Every structure is written in structure tokens, then in C-alpha cells.
PDB file of N, CA and C in Angstrom:
ATOM      1  N   GLY A   1      -5.970 -17.024  26.056  1.00  0.00           N
ATOM      2  CA  GLY A   1      -5.604 -17.911  24.997  1.00  0.00           C
ATOM      3  C   GLY A   1      -5.959 -17.336  23.634  1.00  0.00           C
ATOM      4  N   THR A   2      -5.405 -17.909  22.649  1.00  0.00           N
ATOM      5  CA  THR A   2      -5.662 -17.509  21.275  1.00  0.00           C
ATOM      6  C   THR A   2      -6.744 -18.403  20.692  1.00  0.00           C
ATOM      7  N   PRO A   3      -7.814 -17.806  20.140  1.00  0.00           N
ATOM      8  CA  PRO A   3      -8.866 -18.633  19.542  1.00  0.00           C
ATOM      9  C   PRO A   3      -8.339 -19.336  18.279  1.00  0.00           C
ATOM     10  N   ASN A   4      -8.929 -20.476  17.991  1.00  0.00           N
ATOM     11  CA  ASN A   4      -8.560 -21.205  16.779  1.00  0.00           C
ATOM     12  C   ASN A   4      -9.210 -20.547  15.576  1.00  0.00           C
ATOM     13  N   VAL A   5      -8.451 -20.402  14.518  1.00  0.00           N
ATOM     14  CA  VAL A   5      -8.950 -19.821  13.275  1.00  0.00           C
ATOM     15  C   VAL A   5      -8.676 -20.807  12.159  1.00  0.00           C
ATOM     16  N   THR A   6      -9.676 -21.025  11.322  1.00  0.00           N
ATOM     17  CA  THR A   6      -9.514 -21.888  10.160  1.00  0.00           C
ATOM     18  C   THR A   6      -9.833 -21.074   8.915  1.00  0.00           C
ATOM     19  N   PHE A   7      -8.846 -20.912   8.042  1.00  0.00           N
ATOM     20  CA  PHE A   7      -9.062 -20.208   6.790  1.00  0.00           C
ATOM     21  C   PHE A   7      -9.727 -21.161   5.812  1.00  0.00           C
ATOM     22  N   THR A   8     -10.769 -20.674   5.144  1.00  0.00           N
ATOM     23  CA  THR A   8     -11.495 -21.523   4.198  1.00  0.00           C
ATOM     24  C   THR A   8     -11.347 -21.054   2.756  1.00  0.00           C
ATOM     25  N   ASP A   9     -10.861 -19.832   2.550  1.00  0.00           N
ATOM     26  CA  ASP A   9     -10.734 -19.303   1.193  1.00  0.00           C
ATOM     27  C   ASP A   9      -9.836 -18.074   1.232  1.00  0.00           C
ATOM     28  N   VAL A  10      -9.372 -17.665   0.078  1.00  0.00           N
ATOM     29  CA  VAL A  10      -8.540 -16.472  -0.061  1.00  0.00           C
ATOM     30  C   VAL A  10      -9.069 -15.649  -1.223  1.00  0.00           C
ATOM     31  N   THR A  11      -9.164 -14.349  -1.031  1.00  0.00           N
ATOM     32  CA  THR A  11      -9.533 -13.433  -2.114  1.00  0.00           C
ATOM     33  C   THR A  11      -8.342 -12.527  -2.357  1.00  0.00           C
ATOM     34  N   LEU A  12      -7.765 -12.575  -3.549  1.00  0.00           N
ATOM     35  CA  LEU A  12      -6.629 -11.722  -3.889  1.00  0.00           C
ATOM     36  C   LEU A  12      -7.110 -10.303  -4.143  1.00  0.00           C
ATOM     37  N   LEU A  13      -6.382  -9.331  -3.632  1.00  0.00           N
ATOM     38  CA  LEU A  13      -6.728  -7.931  -3.873  1.00  0.00           C
ATOM     39  C   LEU A  13      -6.243  -7.514  -5.250  1.00  0.00           C
ATOM     40  N   ARG A  14      -7.063  -6.691  -5.914  1.00  0.00           N
ATOM     41  CA  ARG A  14      -6.757  -6.261  -7.278  1.00  0.00           C
ATOM     42  C   ARG A  14      -6.774  -4.741  -7.372  1.00  0.00           C
ATOM     43  N   ASP A  15      -5.840  -4.219  -8.166  1.00  0.00           N
ATOM     44  CA  ASP A  15      -5.752  -2.771  -8.368  1.00  0.00           C
ATOM     45  C   ASP A  15      -6.873  -2.301  -9.298  1.00  0.00           C
ATOM     46  N   PRO A  16      -6.976  -0.995  -9.575  1.00  0.00           N
ATOM     47  CA  PRO A  16      -8.066  -0.497 -10.421  1.00  0.00           C
ATOM     48  C   PRO A  16      -8.117  -1.147 -11.811  1.00  0.00           C
ATOM     49  N   ALA A  17      -6.984  -1.612 -12.333  1.00  0.00           N
ATOM     50  CA  ALA A  17      -6.945  -2.260 -13.652  1.00  0.00           C
ATOM     51  C   ALA A  17      -7.299  -3.740 -13.577  1.00  0.00           C
ATOM     52  N   GLY A  18      -7.528  -4.263 -12.365  1.00  0.00           N
ATOM     53  CA  GLY A  18      -7.883  -5.667 -12.208  1.00  0.00           C
ATOM     54  C   GLY A  18      -6.705  -6.592 -11.997  1.00  0.00           C
ATOM     55  N   ASN A  19      -5.497  -6.028 -11.890  1.00  0.00           N
ATOM     56  CA  ASN A  19      -4.299  -6.837 -11.682  1.00  0.00           C
ATOM     57  C   ASN A  19      -4.049  -7.047 -10.190  1.00  0.00           C
ATOM     58  N   THR A  20      -3.505  -8.206  -9.848  1.00  0.00           N
ATOM     59  CA  THR A  20      -3.096  -8.410  -8.461  1.00  0.00           C
ATOM     60  C   THR A  20      -1.877  -7.533  -8.177  1.00  0.00           C
ATOM     61  N   PHE A  21      -1.679  -7.215  -6.926  1.00  0.00           N
ATOM     62  CA  PHE A  21      -0.565  -6.343  -6.556  1.00  0.00           C
ATOM     63  C   PHE A  21       0.754  -7.095  -6.655  1.00  0.00           C
ATOM     64  N   ALA A  22       1.761  -6.417  -7.156  1.00  0.00           N
ATOM     65  CA  ALA A  22       3.097  -6.999  -7.267  1.00  0.00           C
ATOM     66  C   ALA A  22       3.682  -7.207  -5.871  1.00  0.00           C
ATOM     67  N   PRO A  23       4.627  -8.128  -5.731  1.00  0.00           N
ATOM     68  CA  PRO A  23       5.274  -8.314  -4.431  1.00  0.00           C
ATOM     69  C   PRO A  23       5.854  -6.998  -3.903  1.00  0.00           C
ATOM     70  N   LEU A  24       5.713  -6.776  -2.614  1.00  0.00           N
ATOM     71  CA  LEU A  24       6.225  -5.606  -1.895  1.00  0.00           C
ATOM     72  C   LEU A  24       5.511  -4.304  -2.265  1.00  0.00           C
ATOM     73  N   LYS A  25       4.359  -4.369  -2.924  1.00  0.00           N
ATOM     74  CA  LYS A  25       3.599  -3.166  -3.264  1.00  0.00           C
ATOM     75  C   LYS A  25       2.388  -2.981  -2.361  1.00  0.00           C
ATOM     76  N   LEU A  26       2.143  -3.920  -1.490  1.00  0.00           N
ATOM     77  CA  LEU A  26       0.997  -3.860  -0.600  1.00  0.00           C
ATOM     78  C   LEU A  26       1.458  -4.267   0.791  1.00  0.00           C
ATOM     79  N   ASP A  27       1.334  -3.357   1.739  1.00  0.00           N
ATOM     80  CA  ASP A  27       1.742  -3.617   3.119  1.00  0.00           C
ATOM     81  C   ASP A  27       0.619  -3.129   4.031  1.00  0.00           C
ATOM     82  N   PRO A  28      -0.480  -3.880   4.105  1.00  0.00           N
ATOM     83  CA  PRO A  28      -1.642  -3.395   4.845  1.00  0.00           C
ATOM     84  C   PRO A  28      -1.368  -3.221   6.328  1.00  0.00           C
ATOM     85  N   GLU A  29      -1.901  -2.151   6.871  1.00  0.00           N
ATOM     86  CA  GLU A  29      -1.772  -1.860   8.297  1.00  0.00           C
ATOM     87  C   GLU A  29      -3.086  -2.085   9.023  1.00  0.00           C
ATOM     88  N   ASP A  30      -4.202  -1.846   8.334  1.00  0.00           N
ATOM     89  CA  ASP A  30      -5.500  -1.957   8.978  1.00  0.00           C
ATOM     90  C   ASP A  30      -6.529  -2.405   7.953  1.00  0.00           C
ATOM     91  N   ILE A  31      -7.471  -3.204   8.389  1.00  0.00           N
ATOM     92  CA  ILE A  31      -8.553  -3.682   7.537  1.00  0.00           C
ATOM     93  C   ILE A  31      -9.857  -3.458   8.287  1.00  0.00           C
ATOM     94  N   VAL A  32     -10.814  -2.808   7.613  1.00  0.00           N
ATOM     95  CA  VAL A  32     -12.111  -2.529   8.229  1.00  0.00           C
ATOM     96  C   VAL A  32     -13.206  -3.096   7.331  1.00  0.00           C
ATOM     97  N   LEU A  33     -14.031  -3.941   7.893  1.00  0.00           N
ATOM     98  CA  LEU A  33     -15.161  -4.533   7.179  1.00  0.00           C
ATOM     99  C   LEU A  33     -16.338  -3.568   7.212  1.00  0.00           C
ATOM    100  N   THR A  34     -16.995  -3.377   6.055  1.00  0.00           N
ATOM    101  CA  THR A  34     -18.162  -2.492   5.996  1.00  0.00           C
ATOM    102  C   THR A  34     -19.434  -3.334   5.894  1.00  0.00           C
ATOM    103  N   PRO A  35     -20.585  -2.735   6.183  1.00  0.00           N
ATOM    104  CA  PRO A  35     -21.840  -3.488   6.060  1.00  0.00           C
ATOM    105  C   PRO A  35     -22.272  -3.721   4.616  1.00  0.00           C
ATOM    106  N   THR A  36     -21.529  -3.169   3.642  1.00  0.00           N
ATOM    107  CA  THR A  36     -21.904  -3.306   2.228  1.00  0.00           C
ATOM    108  C   THR A  36     -21.023  -4.308   1.480  1.00  0.00           C
ATOM    109  N   ASN A  37     -20.417  -5.262   2.207  1.00  0.00           N
ATOM    110  CA  ASN A  37     -19.602  -6.321   1.608  1.00  0.00           C
ATOM    111  C   ASN A  37     -18.335  -5.782   0.944  1.00  0.00           C
ATOM    112  N   THR A  38     -17.748  -4.743   1.557  1.00  0.00           N
ATOM    113  CA  THR A  38     -16.461  -4.226   1.114  1.00  0.00           C
ATOM    114  C   THR A  38     -15.537  -4.143   2.327  1.00  0.00           C
ATOM    115  N   VAL A  39     -14.269  -3.901   2.044  1.00  0.00           N
ATOM    116  CA  VAL A  39     -13.300  -3.651   3.109  1.00  0.00           C
ATOM    117  C   VAL A  39     -12.497  -2.413   2.749  1.00  0.00           C
ATOM    118  N   PHE A  40     -12.169  -1.626   3.752  1.00  0.00           N
ATOM    119  CA  PHE A  40     -11.203  -0.546   3.592  1.00  0.00           C
ATOM    120  C   PHE A  40      -9.882  -1.072   4.122  1.00  0.00           C
ATOM    121  N   ILE A  41      -8.834  -0.908   3.333  1.00  0.00           N
ATOM    122  CA  ILE A  41      -7.500  -1.340   3.731  1.00  0.00           C
ATOM    123  C   ILE A  41      -6.581  -0.134   3.651  1.00  0.00           C
ATOM    124  N   SER A  42      -5.820   0.064   4.726  1.00  0.00           N
ATOM    125  CA  SER A  42      -4.880   1.188   4.741  1.00  0.00           C
ATOM    126  C   SER A  42      -3.451   0.655   4.768  1.00  0.00           C
ATOM    127  N   SER A  43      -2.557   1.485   4.234  1.00  0.00           N
ATOM    128  CA  SER A  43      -1.129   1.181   4.266  1.00  0.00           C
ATOM    129  C   SER A  43      -0.375   2.470   4.534  1.00  0.00           C
ATOM    130  N   GLU A  44       0.622   2.403   5.391  1.00  0.00           N
ATOM    131  CA  GLU A  44       1.424   3.590   5.684  1.00  0.00           C
ATOM    132  C   GLU A  44       2.437   3.869   4.584  1.00  0.00           C
ATOM    133  N   GLY A  45       2.562   2.968   3.628  1.00  0.00           N
ATOM    134  CA  GLY A  45       3.544   3.141   2.562  1.00  0.00           C
ATOM    135  C   GLY A  45       4.931   2.764   3.050  1.00  0.00           C
ATOM    136  N   GLU A  46       5.906   2.952   2.186  1.00  0.00           N
ATOM    137  CA  GLU A  46       7.272   2.589   2.542  1.00  0.00           C
ATOM    138  C   GLU A  46       8.264   3.434   1.762  1.00  0.00           C
ATOM    139  N   VAL A  47       9.331   3.799   2.437  1.00  0.00           N
ATOM    140  CA  VAL A  47      10.498   4.373   1.769  1.00  0.00           C
ATOM    141  C   VAL A  47      11.695   3.552   2.217  1.00  0.00           C
ATOM    142  N   ASN A  48      12.230   2.774   1.298  1.00  0.00           N
ATOM    143  CA  ASN A  48      13.419   1.973   1.561  1.00  0.00           C
ATOM    144  C   ASN A  48      14.399   2.319   0.443  1.00  0.00           C
ATOM    145  N   ILE A  49      15.144   3.382   0.657  1.00  0.00           N
ATOM    146  CA  ILE A  49      16.041   3.905  -0.375  1.00  0.00           C
ATOM    147  C   ILE A  49      17.089   2.862  -0.770  1.00  0.00           C
ATOM    148  N   ALA A  50      17.629   2.156   0.206  1.00  0.00           N
ATOM    149  CA  ALA A  50      18.666   1.163  -0.093  1.00  0.00           C
ATOM    150  C   ALA A  50      18.144   0.061  -1.015  1.00  0.00           C
ATOM    151  N   ALA A  51      16.859  -0.272  -0.890  1.00  0.00           N
ATOM    152  CA  ALA A  51      16.267  -1.312  -1.739  1.00  0.00           C
ATOM    153  C   ALA A  51      15.632  -0.729  -2.996  1.00  0.00           C
ATOM    154  N   GLY A  52      15.640   0.601  -3.137  1.00  0.00           N
ATOM    155  CA  GLY A  52      15.067   1.237  -4.320  1.00  0.00           C
ATOM    156  C   GLY A  52      13.548   1.228  -4.330  1.00  0.00           C
ATOM    157  N   ARG A  53      12.927   1.135  -3.143  1.00  0.00           N
ATOM    158  CA  ARG A  53      11.466   1.059  -3.065  1.00  0.00           C
ATOM    159  C   ARG A  53      10.874   2.310  -2.431  1.00  0.00           C
ATOM    160  N   VAL A  54       9.912   2.890  -3.131  1.00  0.00           N
ATOM    161  CA  VAL A  54       9.108   3.983  -2.589  1.00  0.00           C
ATOM    162  C   VAL A  54       7.661   3.665  -2.928  1.00  0.00           C
ATOM    163  N   THR A  55       6.836   3.470  -1.907  1.00  0.00           N
ATOM    164  CA  THR A  55       5.432   3.133  -2.090  1.00  0.00           C
ATOM    165  C   THR A  55       4.587   4.141  -1.336  1.00  0.00           C
ATOM    166  N   ASN A  56       3.625   4.739  -2.008  1.00  0.00           N
ATOM    167  CA  ASN A  56       2.762   5.734  -1.376  1.00  0.00           C
ATOM    168  C   ASN A  56       1.820   5.098  -0.355  1.00  0.00           C
ATOM    169  N   PRO A  57       1.515   5.828   0.711  1.00  0.00           N
ATOM    170  CA  PRO A  57       0.483   5.362   1.639  1.00  0.00           C
ATOM    171  C   PRO A  57      -0.884   5.431   0.963  1.00  0.00           C
ATOM    172  N   PHE A  58      -1.842   4.657   1.471  1.00  0.00           N
ATOM    173  CA  PHE A  58      -3.175   4.705   0.876  1.00  0.00           C
ATOM    174  C   PHE A  58      -4.245   4.239   1.848  1.00  0.00           C
ATOM    175  N   VAL A  59      -5.476   4.616   1.535  1.00  0.00           N
ATOM    176  CA  VAL A  59      -6.683   4.051   2.136  1.00  0.00           C
ATOM    177  C   VAL A  59      -7.588   3.724   0.957  1.00  0.00           C
ATOM    178  N   ASN A  60      -7.728   2.437   0.665  1.00  0.00           N
ATOM    179  CA  ASN A  60      -8.493   1.991  -0.500  1.00  0.00           C
ATOM    180  C   ASN A  60      -9.642   1.093  -0.073  1.00  0.00           C
ATOM    181  N   GLU A  61     -10.704   1.132  -0.861  1.00  0.00           N
ATOM    182  CA  GLU A  61     -11.848   0.261  -0.623  1.00  0.00           C
ATOM    183  C   GLU A  61     -11.839  -0.854  -1.669  1.00  0.00           C
ATOM    184  N   PHE A  62     -12.074  -2.093  -1.208  1.00  0.00           N
ATOM    185  CA  PHE A  62     -12.057  -3.261  -2.075  1.00  0.00           C
ATOM    186  C   PHE A  62     -13.353  -4.050  -1.920  1.00  0.00           C
ATOM    187  N   ASP A  63     -13.808  -4.666  -3.011  1.00  0.00           N
ATOM    188  CA  ASP A  63     -14.953  -5.562  -2.974  1.00  0.00           C
ATOM    189  C   ASP A  63     -14.522  -6.836  -2.254  1.00  0.00           C
ATOM    190  N   LEU A  64     -15.274  -7.238  -1.263  1.00  0.00           N
ATOM    191  CA  LEU A  64     -14.899  -8.386  -0.442  1.00  0.00           C
ATOM    192  C   LEU A  64     -14.975  -9.699  -1.214  1.00  0.00           C
ATOM    193  N   THR A  65     -15.832  -9.787  -2.195  1.00  0.00           N
ATOM    194  CA  THR A  65     -16.007 -11.024  -2.954  1.00  0.00           C
ATOM    195  C   THR A  65     -14.962 -11.180  -4.053  1.00  0.00           C
ATOM    196  N   THR A  66     -14.721 -10.116  -4.825  1.00  0.00           N
ATOM    197  CA  THR A  66     -13.808 -10.206  -5.975  1.00  0.00           C
ATOM    198  C   THR A  66     -12.403  -9.703  -5.681  1.00  0.00           C
ATOM    199  N   GLY A  67     -12.249  -8.891  -4.642  1.00  0.00           N
ATOM    200  CA  GLY A  67     -10.952  -8.283  -4.339  1.00  0.00           C
ATOM    201  C   GLY A  67     -10.665  -7.046  -5.166  1.00  0.00           C
ATOM    202  N   GLN A  68     -11.559  -6.673  -6.060  1.00  0.00           N
ATOM    203  CA  GLN A  68     -11.357  -5.523  -6.941  1.00  0.00           C
ATOM    204  C   GLN A  68     -11.372  -4.212  -6.143  1.00  0.00           C
ATOM    205  N   GLN A  69     -10.383  -3.358  -6.410  1.00  0.00           N
ATOM    206  CA  GLN A  69     -10.371  -2.037  -5.783  1.00  0.00           C
ATOM    207  C   GLN A  69     -11.527  -1.215  -6.337  1.00  0.00           C
ATOM    208  N   ILE A  70     -12.307  -0.629  -5.445  1.00  0.00           N
ATOM    209  CA  ILE A  70     -13.466   0.169  -5.820  1.00  0.00           C
ATOM    210  C   ILE A  70     -13.115   1.646  -5.884  1.00  0.00           C
ATOM    211  N   ARG A  71     -12.379   2.104  -4.882  1.00  0.00           N
ATOM    212  CA  ARG A  71     -11.987   3.517  -4.861  1.00  0.00           C
ATOM    213  C   ARG A  71     -10.800   3.710  -3.929  1.00  0.00           C
ATOM    214  N   ALA A  72     -10.165   4.858  -4.108  1.00  0.00           N
ATOM    215  CA  ALA A  72      -9.039   5.260  -3.267  1.00  0.00           C
ATOM    216  C   ALA A  72      -9.390   6.588  -2.624  1.00  0.00           C
ATOM    217  N   LEU A  73      -9.277   6.654  -1.314  1.00  0.00           N
ATOM    218  CA  LEU A  73      -9.499   7.921  -0.634  1.00  0.00           C
ATOM    219  C   LEU A  73      -8.255   8.792  -0.810  1.00  0.00           C
ATOM    220  N   PRO A  74      -8.432  10.104  -0.900  1.00  0.00           N
ATOM    221  CA  PRO A  74      -7.264  10.971  -1.102  1.00  0.00           C
ATOM    222  C   PRO A  74      -6.356  11.005   0.123  1.00  0.00           C
ATOM    223  N   VAL A  75      -5.065  10.988  -0.128  1.00  0.00           N
ATOM    224  CA  VAL A  75      -4.051  11.132   0.921  1.00  0.00           C
ATOM    225  C   VAL A  75      -3.396  12.490   0.707  1.00  0.00           C
ATOM    226  N   PRO A  76      -3.389  13.357   1.723  1.00  0.00           N
ATOM    227  CA  PRO A  76      -2.776  14.680   1.556  1.00  0.00           C
ATOM    228  C   PRO A  76      -1.322  14.585   1.096  1.00  0.00           C
ATOM    229  N   THR A  77      -0.933  15.500   0.238  1.00  0.00           N
ATOM    230  CA  THR A  77       0.412  15.515  -0.350  1.00  0.00           C
ATOM    231  C   THR A  77       1.514  15.469   0.698  1.00  0.00           C
ATOM    232  N   LYS A  78       1.301  16.111   1.835  1.00  0.00           N
ATOM    233  CA  LYS A  78       2.369  16.153   2.848  1.00  0.00           C
ATOM    234  C   LYS A  78       2.739  14.770   3.379  1.00  0.00           C
ATOM    235  N   PHE A  79       1.866  13.769   3.165  1.00  0.00           N
ATOM    236  CA  PHE A  79       2.157  12.416   3.624  1.00  0.00           C
ATOM    237  C   PHE A  79       2.772  11.539   2.531  1.00  0.00           C
ATOM    238  N   LEU A  80       2.824  12.039   1.297  1.00  0.00           N
ATOM    239  CA  LEU A  80       3.388  11.262   0.188  1.00  0.00           C
ATOM    240  C   LEU A  80       4.909  11.361   0.206  1.00  0.00           C
ATOM    241  N   PRO A  81       5.611  10.251   0.028  1.00  0.00           N
ATOM    242  CA  PRO A  81       7.067  10.299   0.077  1.00  0.00           C
ATOM    243  C   PRO A  81       7.663  10.991  -1.147  1.00  0.00           C
ATOM    244  N   ALA A  82       8.710  11.739  -0.894  1.00  0.00           N
ATOM    245  CA  ALA A  82       9.490  12.371  -1.964  1.00  0.00           C
ATOM    246  C   ALA A  82      10.958  12.064  -1.695  1.00  0.00           C
ATOM    247  N   VAL A  83      11.653  11.622  -2.735  1.00  0.00           N
ATOM    248  CA  VAL A  83      13.066  11.288  -2.606  1.00  0.00           C
ATOM    249  C   VAL A  83      13.842  12.100  -3.631  1.00  0.00           C
ATOM    250  N   GLN A  84      14.862  12.787  -3.163  1.00  0.00           N
ATOM    251  CA  GLN A  84      15.719  13.589  -4.043  1.00  0.00           C
ATOM    252  C   GLN A  84      16.871  12.713  -4.540  1.00  0.00           C
ATOM    253  N   ASP A  85      17.138  12.784  -5.837  1.00  0.00           N
ATOM    254  CA  ASP A  85      18.234  12.024  -6.444  1.00  0.00           C
ATOM    255  C   ASP A  85      19.551  12.717  -6.112  1.00  0.00           C
ATOM    256  N   THR A  86      19.940  12.628  -4.848  1.00  0.00           N
ATOM    257  CA  THR A  86      21.117  13.336  -4.340  1.00  0.00           C
ATOM    258  C   THR A  86      22.394  12.932  -5.066  1.00  0.00           C
ATOM    259  N   ASN A  87      22.522  11.647  -5.409  1.00  0.00           N
ATOM    260  CA  ASN A  87      23.762  11.206  -6.061  1.00  0.00           C
ATOM    261  C   ASN A  87      23.721  11.366  -7.584  1.00  0.00           C
ATOM    262  N   GLY A  88      22.569  11.821  -8.146  1.00  0.00           N
ATOM    263  CA  GLY A  88      22.476  12.175  -9.558  1.00  0.00           C
ATOM    264  C   GLY A  88      22.549  11.029 -10.549  1.00  0.00           C
ATOM    265  N   ASP A  89      22.254   9.802 -10.121  1.00  0.00           N
ATOM    266  CA  ASP A  89      22.347   8.685 -11.063  1.00  0.00           C
ATOM    267  C   ASP A  89      21.003   8.310 -11.704  1.00  0.00           C
ATOM    268  N   GLY A  90      19.939   9.045 -11.386  1.00  0.00           N
ATOM    269  CA  GLY A  90      18.640   8.789 -11.996  1.00  0.00           C
ATOM    270  C   GLY A  90      17.866   7.631 -11.391  1.00  0.00           C
ATOM    271  N   LEU A  91      18.382   7.044 -10.318  1.00  0.00           N
ATOM    272  CA  LEU A  91      17.736   5.921  -9.646  1.00  0.00           C
ATOM    273  C   LEU A  91      17.483   6.266  -8.184  1.00  0.00           C
ATOM    274  N   ILE A  92      16.571   5.536  -7.565  1.00  0.00           N
ATOM    275  CA  ILE A  92      16.402   5.656  -6.116  1.00  0.00           C
ATOM    276  C   ILE A  92      17.291   4.588  -5.498  1.00  0.00           C
ATOM    277  N   ASN A  93      18.336   5.032  -4.812  1.00  0.00           N
ATOM    278  CA  ASN A  93      19.263   4.087  -4.200  1.00  0.00           C
ATOM    279  C   ASN A  93      20.093   4.790  -3.131  1.00  0.00           C
ATOM    280  N   THR A  94      20.992   4.025  -2.532  1.00  0.00           N
ATOM    281  CA  THR A  94      21.843   4.559  -1.478  1.00  0.00           C
ATOM    282  C   THR A  94      22.529   5.834  -1.952  1.00  0.00           C
ATOM    283  N   GLY A  95      22.504   6.839  -1.108  1.00  0.00           N
ATOM    284  CA  GLY A  95      23.075   8.130  -1.462  1.00  0.00           C
ATOM    285  C   GLY A  95      22.008   9.168  -1.743  1.00  0.00           C
ATOM    286  N   ASP A  96      20.760   8.726  -1.956  1.00  0.00           N
ATOM    287  CA  ASP A  96      19.662   9.655  -2.173  1.00  0.00           C
ATOM    288  C   ASP A  96      19.085  10.097  -0.821  1.00  0.00           C
ATOM    289  N   THR A  97      18.240  11.122  -0.858  1.00  0.00           N
ATOM    290  CA  THR A  97      17.729  11.706   0.364  1.00  0.00           C
ATOM    291  C   THR A  97      16.221  11.824   0.308  1.00  0.00           C
ATOM    292  N   GLN A  98      15.556  11.304   1.336  1.00  0.00           N
ATOM    293  CA  GLN A  98      14.108  11.506   1.435  1.00  0.00           C
ATOM    294  C   GLN A  98      13.860  12.925   1.941  1.00  0.00           C
ATOM    295  N   THR A  99      13.002  13.678   1.234  1.00  0.00           N
ATOM    296  CA  THR A  99      12.754  15.078   1.591  1.00  0.00           C
ATOM    297  C   THR A  99      11.361  15.330   2.141  1.00  0.00           C
ATOM    298  N   ALA A 100      10.447  14.369   2.011  1.00  0.00           N
ATOM    299  CA  ALA A 100       9.093  14.568   2.517  1.00  0.00           C
ATOM    300  C   ALA A 100       8.404  13.231   2.665  1.00  0.00           C
ATOM    301  N   GLY A 101       7.281  13.257   3.382  1.00  0.00           N
ATOM    302  CA  GLY A 101       6.431  12.079   3.500  1.00  0.00           C
ATOM    303  C   GLY A 101       6.734  11.206   4.684  1.00  0.00           C
ATOM    304  N   ILE A 102       6.343   9.966   4.568  1.00  0.00           N
ATOM    305  CA  ILE A 102       6.457   8.983   5.639  1.00  0.00           C
ATOM    306  C   ILE A 102       7.899   8.703   6.000  1.00  0.00           C
ATOM    307  N   ARG A 103       8.120   8.176   7.193  1.00  0.00           N
ATOM    308  CA  ARG A 103       9.462   7.785   7.590  1.00  0.00           C
ATOM    309  C   ARG A 103       9.816   6.447   7.013  1.00  0.00           C
TER     310      ARG A 103
END
């Protein structure tokens, strides 16, 4: 069976500038609680050329109380998405080609 869970509060995650993340800019895959009242959150990133979205993967640490991002662990360049403007219109959209990074 599934245990009952009751949410009692929400902490919004904040980027290094203290802003909450824009819609579709955060797609967490894993959350790890640390003994120092922080969480590490990872995201595989996204490449959705048809929707014009390219988001880098990340592993970031956040303060559990405030949601403020504390640090970002480095992600090797080979995992960062690169999209070539194949159709030459200066935008990321249908007709462009992903050349590196995540699927």
C-alpha cells in the first residue's frame, strides 16, 4: 500500500539571484537531503526544439529552509546541450539540429 502523506508547507526554490524559477525551467529528477539542512536537486535538462526550449542539466544545492540556491556543481561540457541554427532564422525551433548534450 501507499503510505498517507500530508503536506504542511512549501518552500519555493530560488536561483542564485534569489528569484523563483520560471515555469518549465526546473525539472527535478532527484532530491537528496543532507545532514546540514540542505538538499541537492538534480535535473537532466531538456532539449525541446519544437517548443524552443533548451535547459542545461544541473546538480544544485539549496537551503532547505529558504529555498535559496547555495551552489551549483560543475556539469561536464559534453553533457550540455548544443543546438545548431540549421534553418538560419536566429531562433531555436523546428528545423534546427541538436549537435551535443542530453537527448
